[in-house]
Every structure is written in C-alpha cells, then in structure tokens.
C-alpha atoms as a PDB file:
ATOM      1  CA  MET A   1       8.483  -3.359 -16.113  1.00  0.00           C
ATOM      2  CA  PRO A   2       8.233  -2.538 -12.507  1.00  0.00           C
ATOM      3  CA  VAL A   3       5.649   0.281 -11.384  1.00  0.00           C
ATOM      4  CA  ARG A   4       6.220   2.200  -7.987  1.00  0.00           C
ATOM      5  CA  ALA A   5       3.390   4.129  -6.282  1.00  0.00           C
ATOM      6  CA  LYS A   6       3.324   5.887  -3.007  1.00  0.00           C
ATOM      7  CA  PHE A   7       0.515   5.322  -0.692  1.00  0.00           C
ATOM      8  CA  ARG A   8      -0.461   6.609   2.871  1.00  0.00           C
ATOM      9  CA  CYS A   9      -1.823   4.258   5.634  1.00  0.00           C
ATOM     10  CA  ASP A  10      -5.198   5.571   6.342  1.00  0.00           C
ATOM     11  CA  SER A  11      -6.408   3.115   8.877  1.00  0.00           C
ATOM     12  CA  ILE A  12      -5.550  -0.002  10.821  1.00  0.00           C
ATOM     13  CA  THR A  13      -8.466  -2.062  12.346  1.00  0.00           C
ATOM     14  CA  GLN A  14      -8.198  -5.016  14.589  1.00  0.00           C
ATOM     15  CA  ASN A  15     -10.764  -7.829  14.234  1.00  0.00           C
ATOM     16  CA  GLU A  16     -11.300 -11.383  15.581  1.00  0.00           C
ATOM     17  CA  HIS A  17      -9.574 -12.558  12.389  1.00  0.00           C
ATOM     18  CA  GLY A  18      -6.244 -10.308  12.734  1.00  0.00           C
ATOM     19  CA  THR A  19      -5.629  -6.967  11.257  1.00  0.00           C
ATOM     20  CA  SER A  20      -6.880  -4.954   8.376  1.00  0.00           C
ATOM     21  CA  ILE A  21      -4.597  -2.077   6.809  1.00  0.00           C
ATOM     22  CA  THR A  22      -6.078   0.287   4.244  1.00  0.00           C
ATOM     23  CA  LEU A  23      -3.993   2.614   2.099  1.00  0.00           C
ATOM     24  CA  TYR A  24      -4.522   5.198  -0.371  1.00  0.00           C
ATOM     25  CA  PRO A  25      -2.472   7.026  -3.015  1.00  0.00           C
ATOM     26  CA  VAL A  26      -0.665  10.230  -1.725  1.00  0.00           C
ATOM     27  CA  THR A  27      -2.110  13.455  -3.200  1.00  0.00           C
ATOM     28  CA  SER A  28      -0.087  16.291  -1.642  1.00  0.00           C
ATOM     29  CA  GLY A  29       2.544  17.460   0.813  1.00  0.00           C
ATOM     30  CA  SER A  30       5.647  17.369  -1.226  1.00  0.00           C
ATOM     31  CA  ASP A  31       6.772  17.664  -4.852  1.00  0.00           C
ATOM     32  CA  GLU A  32       7.404  13.863  -4.638  1.00  0.00           C
ATOM     33  CA  ASN A  33       3.673  13.307  -3.480  1.00  0.00           C
ATOM     34  CA  GLU A  34       2.295  15.738  -6.158  1.00  0.00           C
ATOM     35  CA  LYS A  35       4.406  13.732  -8.738  1.00  0.00           C
ATOM     36  CA  PHE A  36       3.143  10.336  -7.835  1.00  0.00           C
ATOM     37  CA  TYR A  37      -0.472  11.616  -7.650  1.00  0.00           C
ATOM     38  CA  LYS A  38      -0.034  12.660 -11.100  1.00  0.00           C
ATOM     39  CA  TYR A  39       0.521   9.087 -12.121  1.00  0.00           C
ATOM     40  CA  THR A  40      -1.564   7.290  -9.429  1.00  0.00           C
ATOM     41  CA  PRO A  41      -4.531   9.427  -8.896  1.00  0.00           C
ATOM     42  CA  ALA A  42      -7.045   7.019  -7.449  1.00  0.00           C
ATOM     43  CA  GLY A  43      -7.187   3.523  -5.878  1.00  0.00           C
ATOM     44  CA  SER A  44      -6.534   1.761  -2.637  1.00  0.00           C
ATOM     45  CA  VAL A  45      -4.616  -1.319  -1.072  1.00  0.00           C
ATOM     46  CA  GLU A  46      -6.285  -3.390   1.528  1.00  0.00           C
ATOM     47  CA  LEU A  47      -4.164  -5.867   3.471  1.00  0.00           C
ATOM     48  CA  SER A  48      -5.269  -8.435   5.972  1.00  0.00           C
ATOM     49  CA  THR A  49      -2.711 -10.065   8.270  1.00  0.00           C
ATOM     50  CA  ILE A  50      -2.592 -12.512  11.112  1.00  0.00           C
ATOM     51  CA  ASN A  51       1.034 -11.607  11.645  1.00  0.00           C
ATOM     52  CA  ALA A  52       0.972  -9.107  14.615  1.00  0.00           C
ATOM     53  CA  ALA A  53       4.713  -8.250  13.908  1.00  0.00           C
ATOM     54  CA  ALA A  54       3.836  -7.313  10.274  1.00  0.00           C
ATOM     55  CA  ALA A  55       0.847  -5.150  11.149  1.00  0.00           C
ATOM     56  CA  LYS A  56       3.037  -3.088  13.583  1.00  0.00           C
ATOM     57  CA  GLN A  57       5.006  -1.800  10.437  1.00  0.00           C
ATOM     58  CA  PHE A  58       2.229   0.086   9.372  1.00  0.00           C
ATOM     59  CA  VAL A  59       1.307   3.541  11.093  1.00  0.00           C
ATOM     60  CA  PRO A  60      -1.679   5.711  10.164  1.00  0.00           C
ATOM     61  CA  GLY A  61      -0.518   8.899   8.320  1.00  0.00           C
ATOM     62  CA  ALA A  62       2.812   7.083   7.234  1.00  0.00           C
ATOM     63  CA  GLU A  63       3.834   6.929   3.568  1.00  0.00           C
ATOM     64  CA  TYR A  64       4.847   3.621   1.792  1.00  0.00           C
ATOM     65  CA  TYR A  65       6.210   2.934  -1.524  1.00  0.00           C
ATOM     66  CA  VAL A  66       4.495   0.056  -3.080  1.00  0.00           C
ATOM     67  CA  ASP A  67       6.270  -1.851  -5.926  1.00  0.00           C
ATOM     68  CA  PHE A  68       4.390  -3.985  -8.628  1.00  0.00           C
ATOM     69  CA  THR A  69       6.868  -6.113 -10.287  1.00  0.00           C
ATOM     70  CA  PRO A  70       5.670  -9.007 -12.756  1.00  0.00           C
ATOM     71  CA  VAL A  71       6.355 -12.349 -11.809  1.00  0.00           C
ATOM     72  CA  ASP A  72       8.404 -14.387 -14.410  1.00  0.00           C
ATOM     73  CA  SER A  73       6.616 -17.551 -14.420  1.00  0.00           C
ATOM     74  CA  THR A  74       4.551 -19.929 -16.618  1.00  0.00           C
ATOM     75  CA  PRO A  75       0.960 -20.663 -15.561  1.00  0.00           C
ATOM     76  CA  ALA A  76       0.295 -24.207 -14.399  1.00  0.00           C
ATOM     77  CA  ALA A  77      -1.558 -26.190 -17.019  1.00  0.00           C
END
C-alpha cells in the first residue's frame, strides 16, 4: 500500500560533492498541511545529488509530496 507524506524543503547546501537537500514534514499553514501533520508528525528526508538540474527542482520553503511505494521484487539470493 503506497503512503503519501508532505514535506517542506528546509535547506539546500552546496559542497564539493554536489548538493544536499533537507526536507521536514509540514505542520501548518493549511487544512491539508494539518491533515498531513496528524499522520506524519516527525521525521526528515535528506537527499544528496551531483545532478545540478535535479537540485534546481528544490526551493527552500516549497512543499513536496513524497510517495513511498513498495517495490514488488524478490531479494537476490
């Protein structure tokens, strides 16, 4: 069963290895945000990328849906 969460971009940091992006669950600002906060009260997502075009998709303060969908695969033996 997929799970959808809503996160806000908190920070974007450039370093010698690329870009690090940190997101936290939304907590307020709209009825939708308060609903998401009820079910996703804490946590964080940290992404690192060397792809500049991908990093530009994230903006501090912007909100993003994060979908967690199980992969239907058999583990390698």
